[in-house]
Amino acid sequence: MQARTAALVTAMTMTLTACASAPEAVGAKTLVFEQFFPGRVTARGTFVNSFTGAVRGLSVVIDGSFDGKTLTLVEDFAYDDGERDRKTWKLTRIGERTYEGQREDVIGTAKAYPDGAAMRLEYVVALKTDAWGDIHVRFRDVLALEADGTLVNRAVVSKWGLRLGRVELRMTPAAKSAGEAPAPTP
């Protein structure tokens, strides 16, 4: 009986650890935020709920500027269900490919750092919910630049080490995606 209990606890621990682990960092080209983001970037992606499997589509228009120290990203979100939102990142370069950031819904300071050619971005968000008010959830993003210049952002969203969902966005500078209609702004 004790062996079964130990095996069950081990299996549950391994499952929970795997649930909230960050996505793998693989990039074909080295990502440097201040080279990719100035100007307009359009994105399309999804949020997938880990419990229900529900998929929520979204488009994002990101307008970026870099003043030599701080990268400002104004993100206009348009969800397929009609919801609109705007968030503004202020990412301050503190070293080569290393940043600290603030956003209006981020608790504390976001950290961005290189992982090979890719970048990792880690932060905690006060997520507004109708049922429970604000809940704090952790985002662990991996941003990887593909050979064609598309930036792929894969993120795990978790609470207490349990994966709540995952996000994937594919971003393209507007000059490259001129044939695509951008998402409406709020």
C-alpha atoms as a PDB file:
ATOM      1  CA  MET A   1       0.000   0.000   0.000  1.00  0.00           C
ATOM      2  CA  GLN A   2       2.798   2.446   0.878  1.00  0.00           C
ATOM      3  CA  ALA A   3       4.529   1.686  -2.437  1.00  0.00           C
ATOM      4  CA  ARG A   4       1.323   2.515  -4.315  1.00  0.00           C
ATOM      5  CA  THR A   5       0.903   5.768  -2.399  1.00  0.00           C
ATOM      6  CA  ALA A   6       4.527   6.745  -3.048  1.00  0.00           C
ATOM      7  CA  ALA A   7       4.142   5.956  -6.755  1.00  0.00           C
ATOM      8  CA  LEU A   8       0.940   8.006  -6.938  1.00  0.00           C
ATOM      9  CA  VAL A   9       2.532  11.000  -5.175  1.00  0.00           C
ATOM     10  CA  THR A  10       5.576  10.806  -7.463  1.00  0.00           C
ATOM     11  CA  ALA A  11       3.382  10.624 -10.575  1.00  0.00           C
ATOM     12  CA  MET A  12       1.249  13.576  -9.418  1.00  0.00           C
ATOM     13  CA  THR A  13       4.337  15.660  -8.612  1.00  0.00           C
ATOM     14  CA  MET A  14       5.849  14.970 -12.018  1.00  0.00           C
ATOM     15  CA  THR A  15       2.550  15.796 -13.744  1.00  0.00           C
ATOM     16  CA  LEU A  16       2.119  19.088 -11.870  1.00  0.00           C
ATOM     17  CA  THR A  17       5.723  20.078 -12.547  1.00  0.00           C
ATOM     18  CA  ALA A  18       5.287  19.384 -16.258  1.00  0.00           C
ATOM     19  CA  CYS A  19       1.988  21.274 -16.387  1.00  0.00           C
ATOM     20  CA  ALA A  20       3.464  24.643 -15.494  1.00  0.00           C
ATOM     21  CA  SER A  21       6.885  24.303 -17.116  1.00  0.00           C
ATOM     22  CA  ALA A  22       7.888  27.019 -19.571  1.00  0.00           C
ATOM     23  CA  PRO A  23       7.849  26.363 -23.317  1.00  0.00           C
ATOM     24  CA  GLU A  24      11.075  25.273 -24.992  1.00  0.00           C
ATOM     25  CA  ALA A  25      13.272  28.084 -26.336  1.00  0.00           C
ATOM     26  CA  VAL A  26      14.274  27.455 -29.952  1.00  0.00           C
ATOM     27  CA  GLY A  27      14.951  30.264 -32.415  1.00  0.00           C
ATOM     28  CA  ALA A  28      16.404  30.255 -35.917  1.00  0.00           C
ATOM     29  CA  LYS A  29      17.699  33.828 -35.592  1.00  0.00           C
ATOM     30  CA  THR A  30      18.839  35.849 -32.573  1.00  0.00           C
ATOM     31  CA  LEU A  31      16.019  38.034 -31.237  1.00  0.00           C
ATOM     32  CA  VAL A  32      16.896  41.567 -30.110  1.00  0.00           C
ATOM     33  CA  PHE A  33      13.764  43.381 -28.904  1.00  0.00           C
ATOM     34  CA  GLU A  34      14.846  46.885 -29.919  1.00  0.00           C
ATOM     35  CA  GLN A  35      15.552  45.696 -33.473  1.00  0.00           C
ATOM     36  CA  PHE A  36      12.277  43.783 -33.967  1.00  0.00           C
ATOM     37  CA  PHE A  37       9.658  45.978 -32.273  1.00  0.00           C
ATOM     38  CA  PRO A  38      10.102  49.628 -33.337  1.00  0.00           C
ATOM     39  CA  GLY A  39       7.284  50.475 -35.746  1.00  0.00           C
ATOM     40  CA  ARG A  40       4.062  48.523 -36.150  1.00  0.00           C
ATOM     41  CA  VAL A  41       3.837  44.769 -35.598  1.00  0.00           C
ATOM     42  CA  THR A  42       0.687  42.717 -36.224  1.00  0.00           C
ATOM     43  CA  ALA A  43      -0.035  39.427 -34.488  1.00  0.00           C
ATOM     44  CA  ARG A  44      -2.574  36.633 -34.595  1.00  0.00           C
ATOM     45  CA  GLY A  45      -2.941  33.887 -32.023  1.00  0.00           C
ATOM     46  CA  THR A  46      -4.929  31.903 -29.499  1.00  0.00           C
ATOM     47  CA  PHE A  47      -5.371  31.281 -25.804  1.00  0.00           C
ATOM     48  CA  VAL A  48      -6.152  27.640 -24.978  1.00  0.00           C
ATOM     49  CA  ASN A  49      -7.769  26.857 -21.608  1.00  0.00           C
ATOM     50  CA  SER A  50      -5.968  23.861 -20.056  1.00  0.00           C
ATOM     51  CA  PHE A  51      -9.067  22.623 -18.215  1.00  0.00           C
ATOM     52  CA  THR A  52     -11.818  22.933 -20.813  1.00  0.00           C
ATOM     53  CA  GLY A  53      -9.802  22.985 -24.042  1.00  0.00           C
ATOM     54  CA  ALA A  54     -11.707  26.111 -25.096  1.00  0.00           C
ATOM     55  CA  VAL A  55      -9.838  28.225 -27.646  1.00  0.00           C
ATOM     56  CA  ARG A  56     -10.093  32.022 -27.698  1.00  0.00           C
ATOM     57  CA  GLY A  57      -8.687  33.716 -30.808  1.00  0.00           C
ATOM     58  CA  LEU A  58      -7.133  37.155 -30.786  1.00  0.00           C
ATOM     59  CA  SER A  59      -5.376  39.701 -32.964  1.00  0.00           C
ATOM     60  CA  VAL A  60      -2.941  42.311 -31.688  1.00  0.00           C
ATOM     61  CA  VAL A  61      -1.539  45.486 -33.187  1.00  0.00           C
ATOM     62  CA  ILE A  62       1.668  46.569 -31.438  1.00  0.00           C
ATOM     63  CA  ASP A  63       3.150  50.026 -31.939  1.00  0.00           C
ATOM     64  CA  GLY A  64       6.715  50.155 -30.659  1.00  0.00           C
ATOM     65  CA  SER A  65       9.332  52.823 -30.089  1.00  0.00           C
ATOM     66  CA  PHE A  66      12.840  52.709 -28.650  1.00  0.00           C
ATOM     67  CA  ASP A  67      14.583  55.798 -27.222  1.00  0.00           C
ATOM     68  CA  GLY A  68      17.996  54.176 -26.739  1.00  0.00           C
ATOM     69  CA  LYS A  69      17.175  52.814 -23.258  1.00  0.00           C
ATOM     70  CA  THR A  70      13.438  52.068 -23.015  1.00  0.00           C
ATOM     71  CA  LEU A  71      11.321  50.074 -25.446  1.00  0.00           C
ATOM     72  CA  THR A  72       7.661  51.146 -25.318  1.00  0.00           C
ATOM     73  CA  LEU A  73       5.099  48.720 -26.757  1.00  0.00           C
ATOM     74  CA  VAL A  74       1.458  49.827 -27.033  1.00  0.00           C
ATOM     75  CA  GLU A  75      -0.588  46.658 -27.547  1.00  0.00           C
ATOM     76  CA  ASP A  76      -4.162  46.835 -28.892  1.00  0.00           C
ATOM     77  CA  PHE A  77      -5.918  43.498 -28.422  1.00  0.00           C
ATOM     78  CA  ALA A  78      -9.015  42.459 -30.402  1.00  0.00           C
ATOM     79  CA  TYR A  79     -10.491  39.141 -29.255  1.00  0.00           C
ATOM     80  CA  ASP A  80     -12.682  37.117 -31.609  1.00  0.00           C
ATOM     81  CA  ASP A  81     -15.563  37.352 -29.089  1.00  0.00           C
ATOM     82  CA  GLY A  82     -15.588  41.163 -29.425  1.00  0.00           C
ATOM     83  CA  GLU A  83     -13.631  42.163 -26.308  1.00  0.00           C
ATOM     84  CA  ARG A  84     -11.036  44.916 -26.793  1.00  0.00           C
ATOM     85  CA  ASP A  85      -8.123  45.847 -24.534  1.00  0.00           C
ATOM     86  CA  ARG A  86      -5.017  48.021 -24.536  1.00  0.00           C
ATOM     87  CA  LYS A  87      -1.828  47.424 -22.564  1.00  0.00           C
ATOM     88  CA  THR A  88       1.456  49.344 -22.633  1.00  0.00           C
ATOM     89  CA  TRP A  89       4.824  47.751 -21.889  1.00  0.00           C
ATOM     90  CA  LYS A  90       7.828  49.829 -20.790  1.00  0.00           C
ATOM     91  CA  LEU A  91      10.881  47.577 -21.100  1.00  0.00           C
ATOM     92  CA  THR A  92      14.133  49.147 -19.875  1.00  0.00           C
ATOM     93  CA  ARG A  93      17.361  47.651 -21.173  1.00  0.00           C
ATOM     94  CA  ILE A  94      19.633  46.805 -18.223  1.00  0.00           C
ATOM     95  CA  GLY A  95      22.202  44.789 -20.189  1.00  0.00           C
ATOM     96  CA  GLU A  96      22.769  43.125 -23.526  1.00  0.00           C
ATOM     97  CA  ARG A  97      19.395  41.556 -24.469  1.00  0.00           C
ATOM     98  CA  THR A  98      18.299  41.892 -20.815  1.00  0.00           C
ATOM     99  CA  TYR A  99      15.362  44.039 -19.673  1.00  0.00           C
ATOM    100  CA  GLU A 100      13.146  44.899 -16.736  1.00  0.00           C
ATOM    101  CA  GLY A 101       9.587  45.856 -17.516  1.00  0.00           C
ATOM    102  CA  GLN A 102       6.374  47.386 -16.280  1.00  0.00           C
ATOM    103  CA  ARG A 103       2.819  47.193 -17.583  1.00  0.00           C
ATOM    104  CA  GLU A 104      -0.335  48.508 -15.956  1.00  0.00           C
ATOM    105  CA  ASP A 105      -1.544  45.029 -14.934  1.00  0.00           C
ATOM    106  CA  VAL A 106       1.856  43.540 -14.008  1.00  0.00           C
ATOM    107  CA  ILE A 107       2.563  42.946 -10.309  1.00  0.00           C
ATOM    108  CA  GLY A 108       6.166  43.858  -9.510  1.00  0.00           C
ATOM    109  CA  THR A 109       8.752  43.876 -12.289  1.00  0.00           C
ATOM    110  CA  ALA A 110       8.808  41.737 -15.417  1.00  0.00           C
ATOM    111  CA  LYS A 111      12.147  40.165 -16.361  1.00  0.00           C
ATOM    112  CA  ALA A 112      13.273  39.527 -19.947  1.00  0.00           C
ATOM    113  CA  TYR A 113      16.491  37.684 -20.662  1.00  0.00           C
ATOM    114  CA  PRO A 114      18.132  35.675 -23.459  1.00  0.00           C
ATOM    115  CA  ASP A 115      17.868  31.912 -23.770  1.00  0.00           C
ATOM    116  CA  GLY A 116      20.138  31.138 -26.701  1.00  0.00           C
ATOM    117  CA  ALA A 117      18.746  32.919 -29.764  1.00  0.00           C
ATOM    118  CA  ALA A 118      15.308  33.215 -28.116  1.00  0.00           C
ATOM    119  CA  MET A 119      14.146  35.505 -25.304  1.00  0.00           C
ATOM    120  CA  ARG A 120      12.246  34.657 -22.128  1.00  0.00           C
ATOM    121  CA  LEU A 121       9.811  37.073 -20.502  1.00  0.00           C
ATOM    122  CA  GLU A 122       8.469  36.276 -17.023  1.00  0.00           C
ATOM    123  CA  TYR A 123       5.896  38.273 -15.067  1.00  0.00           C
ATOM    124  CA  VAL A 124       2.821  38.123 -12.819  1.00  0.00           C
ATOM    125  CA  VAL A 125      -0.451  39.721 -13.923  1.00  0.00           C
ATOM    126  CA  ALA A 126      -3.473  40.841 -11.894  1.00  0.00           C
ATOM    127  CA  LEU A 127      -6.095  39.225 -14.123  1.00  0.00           C
ATOM    128  CA  LYS A 128      -9.578  40.693 -13.739  1.00  0.00           C
ATOM    129  CA  THR A 129     -12.362  38.096 -13.480  1.00  0.00           C
ATOM    130  CA  ASP A 130     -16.097  38.471 -12.956  1.00  0.00           C
ATOM    131  CA  ALA A 131     -16.316  35.489 -10.600  1.00  0.00           C
ATOM    132  CA  TRP A 132     -13.291  36.040  -8.329  1.00  0.00           C
ATOM    133  CA  GLY A 133     -12.166  39.644  -8.822  1.00  0.00           C
ATOM    134  CA  ASP A 134      -8.446  40.081  -9.510  1.00  0.00           C
ATOM    135  CA  ILE A 135      -6.389  36.901  -9.439  1.00  0.00           C
ATOM    136  CA  HIS A 136      -2.613  36.852  -9.815  1.00  0.00           C
ATOM    137  CA  VAL A 137      -1.362  34.541 -12.565  1.00  0.00           C
ATOM    138  CA  ARG A 138       2.167  33.894 -13.792  1.00  0.00           C
ATOM    139  CA  PHE A 139       3.132  34.225 -17.449  1.00  0.00           C
ATOM    140  CA  ARG A 140       6.264  32.486 -18.724  1.00  0.00           C
ATOM    141  CA  ASP A 141       6.809  33.543 -22.346  1.00  0.00           C
ATOM    142  CA  VAL A 142       9.349  32.317 -24.853  1.00  0.00           C
ATOM    143  CA  LEU A 143       9.798  34.529 -27.907  1.00  0.00           C
ATOM    144  CA  ALA A 144      11.653  32.964 -30.832  1.00  0.00           C
ATOM    145  CA  LEU A 145      12.470  34.514 -34.207  1.00  0.00           C
ATOM    146  CA  GLU A 146      11.932  32.167 -37.139  1.00  0.00           C
ATOM    147  CA  ALA A 147      14.070  32.154 -40.306  1.00  0.00           C
ATOM    148  CA  ASP A 148      11.383  34.066 -42.270  1.00  0.00           C
ATOM    149  CA  GLY A 149      11.373  36.905 -39.703  1.00  0.00           C
ATOM    150  CA  THR A 150       8.150  35.851 -37.943  1.00  0.00           C
ATOM    151  CA  LEU A 151       8.326  36.165 -34.150  1.00  0.00           C
ATOM    152  CA  VAL A 152       6.540  33.350 -32.316  1.00  0.00           C
ATOM    153  CA  ASN A 153       5.542  33.948 -28.688  1.00  0.00           C
ATOM    154  CA  ARG A 154       4.562  30.835 -26.728  1.00  0.00           C
ATOM    155  CA  ALA A 155       3.488  31.383 -23.145  1.00  0.00           C
ATOM    156  CA  VAL A 156       2.323  29.238 -20.243  1.00  0.00           C
ATOM    157  CA  VAL A 157      -0.159  30.837 -17.831  1.00  0.00           C
ATOM    158  CA  SER A 158      -0.181  29.312 -14.347  1.00  0.00           C
ATOM    159  CA  LYS A 159      -1.387  29.747 -10.770  1.00  0.00           C
ATOM    160  CA  TRP A 160       0.180  27.916  -7.804  1.00  0.00           C
ATOM    161  CA  GLY A 161       2.256  25.879 -10.267  1.00  0.00           C
ATOM    162  CA  LEU A 162      -0.816  24.598 -12.124  1.00  0.00           C
ATOM    163  CA  ARG A 163      -1.100  25.369 -15.815  1.00  0.00           C
ATOM    164  CA  LEU A 164      -4.276  27.346 -16.520  1.00  0.00           C
ATOM    165  CA  GLY A 165      -3.662  27.773 -20.218  1.00  0.00           C
ATOM    166  CA  ARG A 166      -1.263  28.568 -22.985  1.00  0.00           C
ATOM    167  CA  VAL A 167      -0.943  31.398 -25.465  1.00  0.00           C
ATOM    168  CA  GLU A 168       0.615  31.353 -28.903  1.00  0.00           C
ATOM    169  CA  LEU A 169       1.048  34.487 -31.010  1.00  0.00           C
ATOM    170  CA  ARG A 170       2.708  34.833 -34.413  1.00  0.00           C
ATOM    171  CA  MET A 171       4.014  38.380 -34.952  1.00  0.00           C
ATOM    172  CA  THR A 172       5.080  40.072 -38.178  1.00  0.00           C
ATOM    173  CA  PRO A 173       6.371  43.619 -38.742  1.00  0.00           C
ATOM    174  CA  ALA A 174       3.634  45.561 -40.572  1.00  0.00           C
ATOM    175  CA  ALA A 175       5.938  46.275 -43.528  1.00  0.00           C
ATOM    176  CA  LYS A 176       6.122  42.486 -44.140  1.00  0.00           C
ATOM    177  CA  SER A 177       2.402  41.920 -43.594  1.00  0.00           C
ATOM    178  CA  ALA A 178       1.104  44.877 -45.629  1.00  0.00           C
ATOM    179  CA  GLY A 179      -1.330  42.575 -47.444  1.00  0.00           C
ATOM    180  CA  GLU A 180      -3.033  41.592 -44.167  1.00  0.00           C
ATOM    181  CA  ALA A 181      -5.711  43.658 -42.457  1.00  0.00           C
ATOM    182  CA  PRO A 182      -4.585  44.723 -38.965  1.00  0.00           C
ATOM    183  CA  ALA A 183      -6.762  44.105 -35.947  1.00  0.00           C
ATOM    184  CA  PRO A 184      -9.106  46.933 -35.073  1.00  0.00           C
ATOM    185  CA  THR A 185      -7.980  49.213 -32.265  1.00  0.00           C
ATOM    186  CA  PRO A 186     -10.169  49.722 -29.205  1.00  0.00           C
END
